[in-house]
Protein backbone atom coordinates (compact mmCIF):
# COMPACT_ATOMS: atom_id res chain seq x y z
CA MET A 1 114.79 41.71 140.33
CA SER A 2 116.62 38.75 141.82
CA GLY A 3 116.12 37.78 145.45
CA LYS A 4 119.76 38.49 146.32
CA LEU A 5 119.69 41.96 144.74
CA SER A 6 116.42 42.95 146.41
CA GLY A 7 117.77 41.64 149.73
CA MET A 8 120.91 43.79 149.31
CA ILE A 9 118.82 46.88 148.52
CA LEU A 10 116.67 46.25 151.59
CA LEU A 11 119.79 45.85 153.74
CA LEU A 12 121.25 49.12 152.41
CA GLN A 13 117.96 50.92 153.08
CA LEU A 14 117.94 49.59 156.66
CA ILE A 15 121.54 50.74 157.14
CA ARG A 16 120.60 54.17 155.83
CA ASP A 17 117.91 54.43 158.50
CA LEU A 18 120.13 53.34 161.41
CA PRO A 19 121.24 55.91 163.99
CA MET A 20 123.65 58.36 162.35
CA GLY A 21 126.93 56.93 163.67
CA ILE A 22 126.31 53.30 162.74
CA GLY A 23 124.56 54.03 159.45
CA ASN A 24 127.25 56.43 158.29
CA LEU A 25 129.99 54.01 159.26
CA PHE A 26 128.46 51.38 156.96
CA LYS A 27 127.88 53.99 154.25
CA SER A 28 131.52 55.08 154.40
CA LEU A 29 132.61 51.45 154.06
CA PHE A 30 130.14 50.25 151.42
CA GLY A 31 128.59 53.37 149.84
CA ASP A 32 124.93 54.28 149.83
CA ALA A 33 122.11 52.45 148.04
CA SER A 34 123.09 54.06 144.74
CA GLY A 35 126.64 52.74 145.10
CA ALA A 36 128.15 56.21 145.48
CA THR A 37 130.78 57.07 148.06
CA GLU A 38 131.99 60.55 148.81
CA GLU A 39 135.68 61.31 149.03
CA THR A 40 137.44 64.53 148.22
CA LEU A 41 141.23 64.66 148.41
CA SER A 42 143.18 67.68 149.53
CA GLU A 43 146.12 68.99 147.54
CA PRO A 44 149.12 66.66 147.98
CA LEU A 45 151.65 67.76 150.60
CA GLU A 46 155.27 66.59 150.69
CA TYR A 47 156.69 65.57 154.10
CA LYS A 48 159.97 63.69 154.72
CA GLU A 49 160.05 61.94 151.31
CA PHE A 50 156.35 61.02 151.61
CA THR A 51 153.24 62.52 150.02
CA ILE A 52 150.21 63.18 152.21
CA GLU A 53 146.67 63.56 150.86
CA ALA A 54 143.94 64.34 153.38
CA ALA A 55 140.63 62.63 152.51
CA PRO A 56 138.15 63.39 155.31
CA ILE A 57 135.03 61.24 155.34
CA ASP A 58 131.76 63.21 155.50
CA GLU A 59 129.51 61.56 158.07
CA GLY A 60 126.39 63.70 158.00
CA GLY A 61 127.90 67.03 158.95
CA LYS A 62 130.90 65.73 160.89
CA PHE A 63 134.13 64.80 159.15
CA ARG A 64 136.24 61.78 160.09
CA THR A 65 140.03 62.12 160.01
CA ALA A 66 141.34 60.10 157.04
CA GLY A 67 143.73 60.21 154.13
CA TYR A 68 146.56 58.60 152.20
CA ILE A 69 150.32 58.44 152.62
CA SER A 70 152.43 57.62 149.55
CA GLY A 71 156.10 56.94 149.13
CA GLU A 72 158.73 54.85 147.38
CA LEU A 73 159.48 51.32 148.59
CA ASP A 74 161.89 49.12 146.62
CA GLY A 75 161.58 51.39 143.58
CA GLU A 76 157.79 51.19 143.57
CA THR A 77 155.29 53.87 144.64
CA LYS A 78 153.06 52.62 147.47
CA ARG A 79 149.89 54.35 148.70
CA VAL A 80 148.48 53.50 152.13
CA GLN A 81 145.13 54.62 153.54
CA PHE A 82 144.60 55.69 157.14
CA ILE A 83 141.28 56.29 158.93
CA ARG A 84 141.00 57.51 162.50
CA ALA A 85 138.07 57.70 164.91
CA ASP A 86 138.51 61.46 165.36
CA GLU A 87 135.59 63.58 164.15
CA ASN A 88 135.84 67.24 163.20
CA ALA A 89 133.21 69.97 163.01
CA ASN A 90 134.04 71.00 159.44
CA ARG A 91 135.94 69.81 156.40
CA GLN A 92 138.89 72.22 156.77
CA ALA A 93 139.44 71.18 160.40
CA ALA A 94 139.37 67.54 159.25
CA ILE A 95 141.93 68.26 156.52
CA ASP A 96 144.24 69.97 159.01
CA HIS A 97 143.85 67.15 161.53
CA SER A 98 144.35 64.46 158.85
CA ILE A 99 147.62 66.10 157.77
CA SER A 100 148.77 66.31 161.38
CA LYS A 101 147.93 62.61 161.95
CA ALA A 102 149.71 61.60 158.74
CA ARG A 103 152.86 63.45 159.88
CA GLN A 104 152.64 61.67 163.23
CA ILE A 105 152.29 58.27 161.51
CA ILE A 106 155.31 59.04 159.30
CA ASP A 107 157.38 60.17 162.30
CA GLU A 108 156.48 57.03 164.28
CA GLN A 109 156.66 54.38 161.57
CA GLY A 110 158.88 55.72 158.81
CA ALA A 111 159.28 53.68 155.62
CA LYS A 112 157.85 50.50 157.21
CA LEU A 113 154.37 52.01 156.96
CA LEU A 114 154.57 51.50 153.19
CA GLY A 115 154.59 47.74 153.67
CA LYS A 116 151.02 47.87 155.02
CA THR A 117 147.74 48.07 153.10
CA HIS A 118 146.05 50.43 155.58
CA LEU A 119 146.84 52.04 158.92
């Protein structure tokens, strides 16, 4: 095993063992030591010419508010990810909250949100 690869594995193992909040934040960004990340999308929901997909992030029993907003911009479909700091007690609560946040983002930003890579 190369030195760089073994160093990366050691780093990922250290991250795994960090206190839950910090370790899970890194895991949600980079995956776990096996390279897997967990994301389950809700059924798409149409709202004001946009499509919302809730994608809560499982952080060890709590679920972070997150998802995607899609829409047409200049004849092209754009998909933008949003992640919020809000944590929910269960997956369904996180889905509901993610949909609510996506509607709020759409109401506040309109079509200009599609020009961004993430929110």
